[in-house]
Amino acid sequence: MASRSSLYIAIGLATLAAILAVHAGEGMRYVVLAVTVALAAWSLRQPAVGLVAALPLMYMINPTPTTVGWREFGFAITITVAGLSSIWRHRSMLAGLPRAGCIWLSIVTGWFVLNFFTAFWNGVSVADWVRGAAPFVFMSYFLPIWLEARANRVFAHGWQWAAGIAAALFSWHVVQVYVGEQLWRPATYIFDNGTWISMGYAEAQALGKQVFEFAIRVTQRLQQATDTLLCLGVVWGAWASLWLSNWLLRMLGLGLSILATTAIVLTYTRSMLLSSFLVALVLMLVAIRRGGAKRVVVLFLALVATGAGTITGFNLEAIYLNRLVQMQEQASVSFDASPNQGKEGMAASSVDGSIASLRAPTPLQSAMPGKMEGQPKDANIASRMEEYRIAWDHFRASPLVGHGLGVQHNIRFDAGNGEWLDTRVGYVHNWVMYVLMTGGLLGLGVYAAVLFGPAVLAWRRCPRESGLPELTFATVAVMAVYGLFFAVFRLIPFNLVLGGMWGLLLGVQREHARG
């Protein structure tokens, strides 16, 4: 059985390995691999160390890996060995899986089998179905987590620390890339013969060309910049600063919330701001009712100061004003002209957050040909609406069971420089529409039970004074709301956190929760 110190050492080693893998790169390949192999070997005797180490190790991998490189290998060997070792060592406990866990496992497994045959019936290849199903396999993380949580009282504390550190790593990386690449400085382009060309300001003026300045988003540089862990960092830190009794832990929670808030503001992503701060506000209201008004004031002022300070400090007022104006304009625009109606026409009318015209002498649209009346003003919203239309058509064709995981469709995405890319994808940026498309009403019922189940478990199994029901509610709410705007539900971190919550809540005893 792993001790508290063993868990913290494993978390520290995994954090160090992940940082070296990301920032030192190939030069530290063998060091990182040696650490992950050592963690895997340690997991053979104490599986809990590998299960908590997997969370910081997520930092070093692509959230949607297409190939298995040395980073993915290190992560995979750690979590796989730890999971299998836990199941083998605690195999005698499997018969004691709570009824809720048995029902959950049976329904999900049965749905996956049904979905496979549904996909096959609708012409989806086995390879495409496997790719569609693969991200959700990480929810099976719940089983070894449940075993360790049931066998070891301190495991839950270690897992919570590991999750918080993972959120801090993701958030810090966003800030580091944004500041390191000076992304608050607009990139200058000219529009020549129907093509956007990157060119220095002085050089463009010397050629007598009209200069356009685009704000390059950190989300174009870093895929992790849209990960759920940033939103979770805000609410996890907020919960810790409001509910924990230890002063140092409250300050650490406040620091995590401030760091994650900074990262989210620098992404210019409206849905991240909405989901994280809406849930944080609900937590504050609950805390006020429980007599924590002073802590709420500190947290609220800290988050407001962080957001306002980040915007003004990097001179982002024009970008955020542009984002608000786009939403207002979008509300009055018909979507009859979809993003698939012609590349030049769509590019002419789209100025999303990744291409915010800041000091252009004339609006971006005036310099581009083919502008069509009634087109969407916001490229992100336009492509989302087209996705929803496609998903809804799939659902209407097969409302009960959908078309199966892996079903694909053509869509056009903004490339971030005024150009649009045609691509074939197997997802949409909304978990409700995605599940309706791939699983129908049956799949929606199953997935909703999986997503919201932890909140029900926490309410039933955890004492109110522990604060765990509020923490679980906040986590589930952020994942559910943010998943309505981004396809984060298909990423490894999302499903590891969801599976981990199920495991902890199934394994926790009421007397443990009080601790």
Protein backbone atom coordinates (compact mmCIF):
# COMPACT_ATOMS: atom_id res chain seq x y z
CA MET A 1 0.00 0.00 0.00
CA ALA A 2 1.43 3.34 -1.06
CA SER A 3 2.03 5.90 1.68
CA ARG A 4 1.25 9.59 1.35
CA SER A 5 4.95 10.37 0.86
CA SER A 6 5.22 7.74 -1.89
CA LEU A 7 2.34 9.33 -3.76
CA TYR A 8 3.87 12.80 -3.49
CA ILE A 9 7.27 11.54 -4.66
CA ALA A 10 5.63 9.88 -7.67
CA ILE A 11 3.73 13.08 -8.49
CA GLY A 12 6.96 15.07 -8.23
CA LEU A 13 8.86 12.70 -10.52
CA ALA A 14 6.05 12.67 -13.08
CA THR A 15 5.83 16.47 -13.02
CA LEU A 16 9.58 16.81 -13.53
CA ALA A 17 9.55 14.27 -16.38
CA ALA A 18 6.65 16.04 -18.10
CA ILE A 19 8.34 19.44 -17.84
CA LEU A 20 11.59 18.06 -19.24
CA ALA A 21 9.74 16.35 -22.09
CA VAL A 22 7.97 19.56 -23.10
CA HIS A 23 10.68 22.15 -22.57
CA ALA A 24 13.91 20.19 -23.09
CA GLY A 25 12.54 18.01 -25.87
CA GLU A 26 14.62 15.36 -27.59
CA GLY A 27 17.68 16.11 -25.48
CA MET A 28 15.95 14.65 -22.43
CA ARG A 29 14.20 11.78 -24.18
CA TYR A 30 16.08 9.02 -22.39
CA VAL A 31 15.85 10.71 -19.01
CA VAL A 32 12.08 11.05 -19.38
CA LEU A 33 11.73 7.47 -20.57
CA ALA A 34 13.87 6.27 -17.66
CA VAL A 35 11.60 8.10 -15.18
CA THR A 36 8.39 6.76 -16.72
CA VAL A 37 9.75 3.20 -16.88
CA ALA A 38 10.83 3.53 -13.24
CA LEU A 39 7.34 4.72 -12.32
CA ALA A 40 5.87 1.76 -14.20
CA ALA A 41 8.19 -0.65 -12.39
CA TRP A 42 7.28 0.97 -9.06
CA SER A 43 3.63 0.51 -9.98
CA LEU A 44 4.08 -3.23 -10.10
CA ARG A 45 4.39 -3.16 -6.32
CA GLN A 46 2.41 -0.01 -5.55
CA PRO A 47 -0.07 0.66 -8.38
CA ALA A 48 -1.29 3.86 -6.75
CA VAL A 49 1.93 5.71 -7.61
CA GLY A 50 1.47 5.15 -11.33
CA LEU A 51 -2.20 6.11 -11.24
CA VAL A 52 -1.49 9.50 -9.68
CA ALA A 53 1.61 10.02 -11.84
CA ALA A 54 -0.49 9.63 -15.00
CA LEU A 55 -2.19 12.99 -14.42
CA PRO A 56 0.92 15.21 -14.56
CA LEU A 57 2.28 13.06 -17.39
CA MET A 58 -0.69 14.16 -19.53
CA TYR A 59 1.13 17.48 -19.84
CA MET A 60 3.77 16.00 -22.12
CA ILE A 61 1.48 14.35 -24.66
CA ASN A 62 -0.75 15.63 -27.41
CA PRO A 63 -4.37 15.56 -26.14
CA THR A 64 -5.32 13.84 -29.42
CA PRO A 65 -2.23 11.83 -30.39
CA THR A 66 -2.24 10.44 -33.92
CA THR A 67 0.98 8.48 -33.48
CA VAL A 68 2.80 6.89 -30.55
CA GLY A 69 6.06 8.73 -30.00
CA TRP A 70 8.39 8.45 -27.03
CA ARG A 71 6.28 10.83 -24.94
CA GLU A 72 3.09 8.87 -25.61
CA PHE A 73 4.97 5.64 -24.90
CA GLY A 74 6.12 6.92 -21.52
CA PHE A 75 2.60 7.98 -20.57
CA ALA A 76 1.04 4.76 -21.87
CA ILE A 77 3.41 2.39 -20.12
CA THR A 78 2.94 4.17 -16.79
CA ILE A 79 -0.86 4.22 -16.79
CA THR A 80 -1.23 0.76 -18.36
CA VAL A 81 1.11 -1.02 -15.95
CA ALA A 82 -0.40 0.80 -12.97
CA GLY A 83 -3.96 -0.02 -14.03
CA LEU A 84 -3.36 -3.69 -14.73
CA SER A 85 -1.25 -4.09 -11.60
CA SER A 86 -4.00 -2.58 -9.46
CA ILE A 87 -6.64 -4.88 -10.92
CA TRP A 88 -4.43 -7.94 -10.42
CA ARG A 89 -3.36 -7.08 -6.88
CA HIS A 90 -6.91 -6.26 -5.76
CA ARG A 91 -8.71 -8.86 -7.87
CA SER A 92 -10.37 -10.28 -4.77
CA MET A 93 -12.11 -6.91 -4.29
CA LEU A 94 -13.71 -6.89 -7.74
CA ALA A 95 -16.70 -8.83 -6.45
CA GLY A 96 -17.40 -5.93 -4.11
CA LEU A 97 -17.90 -3.37 -6.86
CA PRO A 98 -20.91 -1.27 -5.79
CA ARG A 99 -24.17 -1.80 -7.61
CA ALA A 100 -23.90 1.64 -9.21
CA GLY A 101 -20.51 0.66 -10.63
CA CYS A 102 -21.79 -2.67 -11.92
CA ILE A 103 -24.74 -1.01 -13.61
CA TRP A 104 -22.51 1.68 -15.07
CA LEU A 105 -20.03 -0.85 -16.42
CA SER A 106 -22.71 -3.13 -17.86
CA ILE A 107 -24.66 -0.36 -19.60
CA VAL A 108 -21.57 1.32 -21.06
CA THR A 109 -20.12 -1.97 -22.29
CA GLY A 110 -23.44 -3.01 -23.82
CA TRP A 111 -23.79 0.36 -25.52
CA PHE A 112 -20.32 0.12 -27.04
CA VAL A 113 -21.14 -3.32 -28.46
CA LEU A 114 -24.42 -2.06 -29.91
CA ASN A 115 -22.69 1.02 -31.30
CA PHE A 116 -20.07 -1.10 -33.06
CA PHE A 117 -22.72 -3.01 -34.97
CA THR A 118 -24.62 0.21 -35.66
CA ALA A 119 -21.50 1.77 -37.16
CA PHE A 120 -20.83 -1.35 -39.22
CA TRP A 121 -24.42 -1.28 -40.51
CA ASN A 122 -23.95 2.36 -41.57
CA GLY A 123 -20.75 1.69 -43.48
CA VAL A 124 -18.24 2.98 -40.92
CA SER A 125 -14.95 1.12 -41.16
CA VAL A 126 -13.58 -0.74 -38.14
CA ALA A 127 -10.55 1.57 -38.10
CA ASP A 128 -12.75 4.69 -38.01
CA TRP A 129 -14.91 3.20 -35.26
CA VAL A 130 -11.84 2.37 -33.17
CA ARG A 131 -10.56 5.93 -33.62
CA GLY A 132 -13.93 7.27 -32.55
CA ALA A 133 -14.16 4.99 -29.52
CA ALA A 134 -10.52 5.20 -28.37
CA PRO A 135 -10.77 8.44 -26.33
CA PHE A 136 -13.61 7.05 -24.23
CA VAL A 137 -11.58 3.98 -23.29
CA PHE A 138 -9.72 6.18 -20.79
CA MET A 139 -12.88 6.27 -18.69
CA SER A 140 -12.01 2.68 -17.74
CA TYR A 141 -9.46 4.39 -15.47
CA PHE A 142 -12.33 4.36 -12.95
CA LEU A 143 -11.80 0.69 -12.08
CA PRO A 144 -8.22 0.83 -10.74
CA ILE A 145 -8.99 4.21 -9.15
CA TRP A 146 -11.93 2.64 -7.32
CA LEU A 147 -9.77 -0.25 -6.14
CA GLU A 148 -7.02 2.02 -4.83
CA ALA A 149 -9.45 4.47 -3.22
CA ARG A 150 -11.16 1.60 -1.43
CA ALA A 151 -7.90 -0.01 -0.30
CA ASN A 152 -6.00 3.13 0.67
CA ARG A 153 -7.50 6.09 2.48
CA VAL A 154 -4.75 8.54 1.46
CA PHE A 155 -5.01 7.73 -2.24
CA ALA A 156 -7.84 10.23 -2.82
CA HIS A 157 -5.69 13.03 -1.43
CA GLY A 158 -2.83 12.09 -3.74
CA TRP A 159 -5.09 11.96 -6.78
CA GLN A 160 -6.54 15.39 -6.00
CA TRP A 161 -3.04 16.85 -5.69
CA ALA A 162 -2.04 15.27 -9.00
CA ALA A 163 -5.13 16.66 -10.75
CA GLY A 164 -4.45 20.15 -9.41
CA ILE A 165 -0.82 20.03 -10.55
CA ALA A 166 -1.89 18.88 -14.01
CA ALA A 167 -4.26 21.87 -14.26
CA ALA A 168 -1.45 24.19 -13.14
CA LEU A 169 0.95 22.75 -15.75
CA PHE A 170 -1.54 23.19 -18.59
CA SER A 171 -2.34 26.74 -17.48
CA TRP A 172 1.29 27.75 -17.06
CA HIS A 173 2.16 26.40 -20.50
CA VAL A 174 -0.47 28.65 -22.10
CA VAL A 175 0.91 31.71 -20.30
CA GLN A 176 4.50 30.75 -21.12
CA VAL A 177 3.81 30.30 -24.85
CA TYR A 178 1.76 33.49 -25.04
CA VAL A 179 4.41 35.59 -23.32
CA GLY A 180 7.37 33.81 -24.89
CA GLU A 181 6.10 34.34 -28.43
CA GLN A 182 4.74 37.83 -27.63
CA LEU A 183 1.37 36.95 -29.09
CA TRP A 184 -0.15 40.20 -27.91
CA ARG A 185 1.79 41.83 -30.75
CA PRO A 186 -0.26 41.60 -33.95
CA ALA A 187 1.16 39.86 -37.01
CA THR A 188 1.17 42.01 -40.16
CA TYR A 189 -0.20 40.78 -43.48
CA ILE A 190 -0.97 42.16 -46.92
CA PHE A 191 -3.68 40.93 -49.24
CA ASP A 192 -2.23 40.47 -52.73
CA ASN A 193 -3.89 38.75 -55.70
CA GLY A 194 -6.41 36.96 -53.47
CA THR A 195 -3.78 35.65 -51.04
CA TRP A 196 -2.79 36.67 -47.52
CA ILE A 197 0.99 37.17 -47.25
CA SER A 198 2.85 37.64 -43.98
CA MET A 199 5.12 40.65 -44.24
CA GLY A 200 6.85 43.12 -41.96
CA TYR A 201 5.10 46.45 -41.44
CA ALA A 202 7.95 48.57 -42.86
CA GLU A 203 8.43 46.27 -45.85
CA ALA A 204 4.72 46.37 -46.70
CA GLN A 205 4.61 50.14 -46.47
CA ALA A 206 7.68 50.40 -48.70
CA LEU A 207 5.79 48.38 -51.33
CA GLY A 208 2.82 50.69 -51.01
CA LYS A 209 0.57 47.87 -49.81
CA GLN A 210 -2.31 48.17 -47.39
CA VAL A 211 -1.29 46.58 -44.10
CA PHE A 212 -3.60 44.42 -41.96
CA GLU A 213 -2.74 43.36 -38.46
CA PHE A 214 -4.04 40.06 -37.11
CA ALA A 215 -3.96 38.84 -33.54
CA ILE A 216 -2.57 35.31 -33.59
CA ARG A 217 -4.25 33.23 -30.89
CA VAL A 218 -2.33 30.98 -28.55
CA THR A 219 -4.86 28.26 -29.43
CA GLN A 220 -3.27 28.19 -32.90
CA ARG A 221 0.14 27.59 -31.33
CA LEU A 222 -0.80 25.17 -28.58
CA GLN A 223 -3.51 22.52 -28.70
CA GLN A 224 -3.58 22.29 -24.90
CA ALA A 225 -4.78 25.90 -24.77
CA THR A 226 -8.39 24.76 -25.20
CA ASP A 227 -8.22 21.87 -22.74
CA THR A 228 -10.83 21.42 -20.02
CA LEU A 229 -8.11 21.44 -17.37
CA LEU A 230 -7.81 25.21 -17.69
CA CYS A 231 -11.49 25.65 -16.79
CA LEU A 232 -11.20 23.03 -14.08
CA GLY A 233 -8.20 24.86 -12.65
CA VAL A 234 -10.38 27.91 -12.06
CA VAL A 235 -13.14 26.05 -10.23
CA TRP A 236 -10.87 23.59 -8.38
CA GLY A 237 -8.82 26.50 -7.09
CA ALA A 238 -11.97 28.45 -6.24
CA TRP A 239 -13.37 25.49 -4.28
CA ALA A 240 -10.11 25.04 -2.37
CA SER A 241 -9.96 28.73 -1.45
CA LEU A 242 -13.57 28.66 -0.23
CA TRP A 243 -13.92 25.29 1.51
CA LEU A 244 -10.57 24.15 2.88
CA SER A 245 -9.67 25.02 6.45
CA ASN A 246 -5.90 24.98 6.05
CA TRP A 247 -4.63 28.51 5.25
CA LEU A 248 -1.76 27.34 3.05
CA LEU A 249 -4.00 25.06 0.98
CA ARG A 250 -6.49 27.90 0.52
CA MET A 251 -3.72 30.15 -0.79
CA LEU A 252 -2.52 27.43 -3.15
CA GLY A 253 -6.07 27.05 -4.42
CA LEU A 254 -6.36 30.79 -4.95
CA GLY A 255 -3.06 30.77 -6.83
CA LEU A 256 -4.26 27.96 -9.10
CA SER A 257 -7.49 29.82 -9.83
CA ILE A 258 -5.59 33.02 -10.66
CA LEU A 259 -3.12 31.18 -12.92
CA ALA A 260 -5.89 29.36 -14.80
CA THR A 261 -7.86 32.60 -15.15
CA THR A 262 -4.84 34.32 -16.67
CA ALA A 263 -4.39 31.48 -19.14
CA ILE A 264 -8.06 31.51 -20.17
CA VAL A 265 -8.10 35.27 -20.71
CA LEU A 266 -5.04 34.95 -22.96
CA THR A 267 -6.82 32.40 -25.15
CA TYR A 268 -9.60 34.91 -26.05
CA THR A 269 -12.02 31.97 -25.79
CA ARG A 270 -15.53 33.03 -24.83
CA SER A 271 -16.82 29.57 -23.99
CA MET A 272 -13.97 28.93 -21.53
CA LEU A 273 -14.68 32.21 -19.77
CA LEU A 274 -18.41 31.46 -19.66
CA SER A 275 -18.16 27.89 -18.34
CA SER A 276 -15.46 28.46 -15.73
CA PHE A 277 -16.65 31.76 -14.28
CA LEU A 278 -20.33 30.84 -14.32
CA VAL A 279 -19.60 27.76 -12.22
CA ALA A 280 -17.17 29.68 -9.99
CA LEU A 281 -19.92 32.23 -9.36
CA VAL A 282 -22.31 29.46 -8.30
CA LEU A 283 -19.68 28.17 -5.88
CA MET A 284 -19.35 31.67 -4.43
CA LEU A 285 -23.10 31.94 -3.90
CA VAL A 286 -23.18 28.58 -2.12
CA ALA A 287 -20.23 29.61 0.04
CA ILE A 288 -21.98 32.86 1.02
CA ARG A 289 -25.01 30.89 2.20
CA ARG A 290 -22.67 28.80 4.35
CA GLY A 291 -21.09 31.81 6.02
CA GLY A 292 -17.99 32.18 3.87
CA ALA A 293 -18.61 35.74 2.66
CA LYS A 294 -15.10 36.99 3.51
CA ARG A 295 -13.46 34.25 1.49
CA VAL A 296 -15.84 34.92 -1.38
CA VAL A 297 -14.90 38.60 -1.43
CA VAL A 298 -11.19 37.74 -1.59
CA LEU A 299 -11.71 35.23 -4.39
CA PHE A 300 -14.05 37.46 -6.39
CA LEU A 301 -11.74 40.48 -6.21
CA ALA A 302 -8.73 38.33 -7.09
CA LEU A 303 -10.38 36.87 -10.20
CA VAL A 304 -11.78 40.19 -11.37
CA ALA A 305 -8.42 41.89 -10.86
CA THR A 306 -6.67 39.07 -12.69
CA GLY A 307 -8.99 39.22 -15.69
CA ALA A 308 -9.00 43.01 -15.93
CA GLY A 309 -5.28 43.25 -15.29
CA THR A 310 -4.45 40.68 -17.96
CA ILE A 311 -6.63 42.43 -20.55
CA THR A 312 -5.27 45.89 -19.86
CA GLY A 313 -1.71 44.73 -19.28
CA PHE A 314 -1.48 43.15 -22.73
CA ASN A 315 -3.69 45.79 -24.42
CA LEU A 316 -6.35 43.25 -25.34
CA GLU A 317 -9.30 45.64 -25.05
CA ALA A 318 -9.75 45.85 -28.84
CA ILE A 319 -9.74 42.07 -29.23
CA TYR A 320 -12.33 41.49 -26.50
CA LEU A 321 -14.48 44.32 -27.78
CA ASN A 322 -14.28 42.74 -31.24
CA ARG A 323 -15.37 39.38 -29.81
CA LEU A 324 -18.41 40.98 -28.18
CA VAL A 325 -19.34 42.88 -31.33
CA GLN A 326 -19.12 39.67 -33.38
CA MET A 327 -21.58 37.93 -31.08
CA GLN A 328 -23.99 40.84 -31.37
CA GLU A 329 -23.73 40.93 -35.16
CA GLN A 330 -24.05 37.16 -35.41
CA ALA A 331 -27.38 37.22 -33.65
CA SER A 332 -28.90 39.23 -36.51
CA VAL A 333 -27.38 37.24 -39.38
CA SER A 334 -29.12 34.46 -41.30
CA PHE A 335 -27.20 31.22 -41.67
CA ASP A 336 -28.55 30.54 -45.14
CA ALA A 337 -25.04 31.14 -46.45
CA SER A 338 -23.13 28.35 -44.74
CA PRO A 339 -19.34 28.03 -44.47
CA ASN A 340 -19.40 25.54 -47.34
CA GLN A 341 -20.65 28.08 -49.88
CA GLY A 342 -17.32 29.12 -51.26
CA LYS A 343 -13.90 29.75 -49.85
CA GLU A 344 -13.42 33.34 -50.93
CA GLY A 345 -16.88 34.42 -49.89
CA MET A 346 -16.55 32.95 -46.42
CA ALA A 347 -13.08 34.34 -45.89
CA ALA A 348 -14.33 37.76 -46.90
CA SER A 349 -16.88 37.90 -44.14
CA SER A 350 -15.09 36.22 -41.27
CA VAL A 351 -13.02 38.01 -38.69
CA ASP A 352 -12.97 35.73 -35.65
CA GLY A 353 -10.86 36.02 -32.54
CA SER A 354 -7.87 34.54 -34.30
CA ILE A 355 -7.94 37.24 -36.98
CA ALA A 356 -8.99 40.35 -35.14
CA SER A 357 -8.26 43.39 -37.29
CA LEU A 358 -6.75 45.92 -34.91
CA ARG A 359 -5.36 48.92 -36.75
CA ALA A 360 -6.31 48.27 -40.36
CA PRO A 361 -7.05 51.53 -42.21
CA THR A 362 -10.29 50.01 -43.52
CA PRO A 363 -12.32 46.99 -42.44
CA LEU A 364 -10.96 43.62 -43.47
CA GLN A 365 -14.00 42.90 -45.61
CA SER A 366 -13.35 45.86 -47.92
CA ALA A 367 -10.05 44.45 -49.10
CA MET A 368 -11.36 41.04 -50.06
CA PRO A 369 -13.39 39.88 -53.03
CA GLY A 370 -16.56 37.88 -53.09
CA LYS A 371 -18.32 39.21 -50.00
CA MET A 372 -21.88 37.89 -49.93
CA GLU A 373 -24.74 39.56 -48.13
CA GLY A 374 -26.16 37.78 -45.12
CA GLN A 375 -23.08 35.73 -44.37
CA PRO A 376 -22.10 34.96 -40.79
CA LYS A 377 -19.96 37.57 -39.07
CA ASP A 378 -18.15 35.16 -36.76
CA ALA A 379 -16.23 32.27 -38.29
CA ASN A 380 -16.30 30.11 -35.17
CA ILE A 381 -20.05 30.41 -34.72
CA ALA A 382 -20.60 29.87 -38.43
CA SER A 383 -18.68 26.60 -38.52
CA ARG A 384 -20.37 25.45 -35.30
CA MET A 385 -23.80 26.05 -36.77
CA GLU A 386 -22.87 24.09 -39.86
CA GLU A 387 -21.65 21.23 -37.66
CA TYR A 388 -24.90 21.21 -35.73
CA ARG A 389 -26.89 21.08 -38.97
CA ILE A 390 -24.87 18.08 -40.17
CA ALA A 391 -25.18 16.30 -36.81
CA TRP A 392 -28.91 16.97 -36.69
CA ASP A 393 -29.37 15.51 -40.17
CA HIS A 394 -27.55 12.35 -39.05
CA PHE A 395 -29.73 12.13 -35.96
CA ARG A 396 -32.96 12.56 -37.91
CA ALA A 397 -31.91 9.73 -40.20
CA SER A 398 -31.37 7.37 -37.24
CA PRO A 399 -32.86 8.88 -34.07
CA LEU A 400 -32.71 5.84 -31.79
CA VAL A 401 -29.14 4.53 -32.18
CA GLY A 402 -27.41 7.12 -34.38
CA HIS A 403 -24.84 6.26 -37.03
CA GLY A 404 -22.10 4.89 -34.78
CA LEU A 405 -18.80 6.25 -33.49
CA GLY A 406 -16.39 7.12 -36.27
CA VAL A 407 -19.01 8.40 -38.72
CA GLN A 408 -17.44 11.26 -40.67
CA HIS A 409 -18.50 14.35 -42.56
CA ASN A 410 -16.94 17.21 -44.49
CA ILE A 411 -16.62 20.61 -42.84
CA ARG A 412 -14.77 23.84 -43.46
CA PHE A 413 -12.67 25.37 -40.68
CA ASP A 414 -11.06 28.77 -40.39
CA ALA A 415 -7.28 28.38 -40.83
CA GLY A 416 -6.66 31.55 -38.87
CA ASN A 417 -5.30 33.80 -41.64
CA GLY A 418 -8.40 34.53 -43.68
CA GLU A 419 -8.28 31.14 -45.42
CA TRP A 420 -10.59 28.18 -44.97
CA LEU A 421 -9.62 24.52 -45.01
CA ASP A 422 -11.84 21.70 -46.21
CA THR A 423 -11.42 18.68 -44.00
CA ARG A 424 -13.15 15.42 -43.13
CA VAL A 425 -13.77 14.88 -39.44
CA GLY A 426 -15.61 12.49 -37.18
CA TYR A 427 -16.78 14.87 -34.46
CA VAL A 428 -18.68 18.06 -33.73
CA HIS A 429 -17.94 20.68 -31.08
CA ASN A 430 -20.91 19.88 -28.86
CA TRP A 431 -21.29 16.74 -26.78
CA VAL A 432 -25.09 16.63 -27.08
CA MET A 433 -25.06 16.90 -30.88
CA TYR A 434 -22.11 14.52 -31.14
CA VAL A 435 -23.81 11.83 -29.07
CA LEU A 436 -27.09 12.26 -30.96
CA MET A 437 -25.19 11.88 -34.23
CA THR A 438 -23.21 8.81 -33.18
CA GLY A 439 -25.49 7.17 -30.60
CA GLY A 440 -28.98 8.57 -31.00
CA LEU A 441 -31.35 9.01 -28.09
CA LEU A 442 -30.12 5.79 -26.52
CA GLY A 443 -26.54 7.01 -26.59
CA LEU A 444 -27.54 10.40 -25.21
CA GLY A 445 -29.20 8.75 -22.23
CA VAL A 446 -26.16 6.56 -21.55
CA TYR A 447 -23.63 9.37 -21.90
CA ALA A 448 -25.67 11.80 -19.81
CA ALA A 449 -25.76 9.20 -17.03
CA VAL A 450 -22.00 8.77 -17.28
CA LEU A 451 -21.31 12.51 -17.30
CA PHE A 452 -23.69 13.56 -14.53
CA GLY A 453 -23.46 10.36 -12.48
CA PRO A 454 -20.57 11.57 -10.27
CA ALA A 455 -22.64 14.52 -9.06
CA VAL A 456 -25.44 12.16 -8.02
CA LEU A 457 -22.97 9.82 -6.30
CA ALA A 458 -21.32 12.66 -4.40
CA TRP A 459 -24.69 13.96 -3.22
CA ARG A 460 -25.68 10.52 -1.95
CA ARG A 461 -22.35 9.23 -0.56
CA CYS A 462 -20.47 12.26 0.77
CA PRO A 463 -21.35 14.29 3.87
CA ARG A 464 -22.39 17.86 3.15
CA GLU A 465 -19.80 19.36 5.48
CA SER A 466 -16.95 17.80 3.49
CA GLY A 467 -17.58 20.09 0.50
CA LEU A 468 -17.14 17.13 -1.87
CA PRO A 469 -20.67 17.42 -3.33
CA GLU A 470 -19.92 21.02 -4.31
CA LEU A 471 -16.51 20.10 -5.72
CA THR A 472 -17.99 17.30 -7.81
CA PHE A 473 -20.87 19.46 -8.99
CA ALA A 474 -18.43 22.18 -10.08
CA THR A 475 -16.26 19.70 -11.96
CA VAL A 476 -19.18 18.06 -13.76
CA ALA A 477 -20.82 21.41 -14.53
CA VAL A 478 -17.68 22.84 -16.12
CA MET A 479 -17.15 19.71 -18.21
CA ALA A 480 -20.77 19.66 -19.34
CA VAL A 481 -21.00 23.38 -20.18
CA TYR A 482 -17.61 23.69 -21.87
CA GLY A 483 -18.27 20.49 -23.80
CA LEU A 484 -21.20 22.26 -25.47
CA PHE A 485 -18.71 24.47 -27.33
CA PHE A 486 -15.56 22.37 -27.84
CA ALA A 487 -14.92 18.70 -28.58
CA VAL A 488 -13.01 18.30 -25.31
CA PHE A 489 -15.12 15.25 -24.44
CA ARG A 490 -12.99 13.34 -26.97
CA LEU A 491 -9.68 14.23 -25.30
CA ILE A 492 -7.63 12.13 -22.89
CA PRO A 493 -7.64 14.61 -19.95
CA PHE A 494 -11.43 14.96 -20.02
CA ASN A 495 -12.02 11.22 -19.88
CA LEU A 496 -9.30 10.53 -17.32
CA VAL A 497 -10.81 13.10 -14.97
CA LEU A 498 -14.32 11.74 -15.55
CA GLY A 499 -13.20 8.16 -14.94
CA GLY A 500 -11.20 9.23 -11.91
CA MET A 501 -14.22 10.94 -10.35
CA TRP A 502 -16.30 7.80 -10.80
CA GLY A 503 -13.59 5.68 -9.20
CA LEU A 504 -13.03 7.96 -6.22
CA LEU A 505 -16.71 8.39 -5.47
CA LEU A 506 -17.44 4.68 -5.77
CA GLY A 507 -14.50 3.85 -3.52
CA VAL A 508 -14.86 6.57 -0.94
CA GLN A 509 -16.48 5.71 2.38
CA ARG A 510 -18.43 8.30 4.32
CA GLU A 511 -15.88 8.33 7.13
CA HIS A 512 -13.11 8.81 4.55
CA ALA A 513 -14.96 11.71 2.96
CA ARG A 514 -15.09 13.45 6.31
CA GLY A 515 -11.28 13.52 6.21
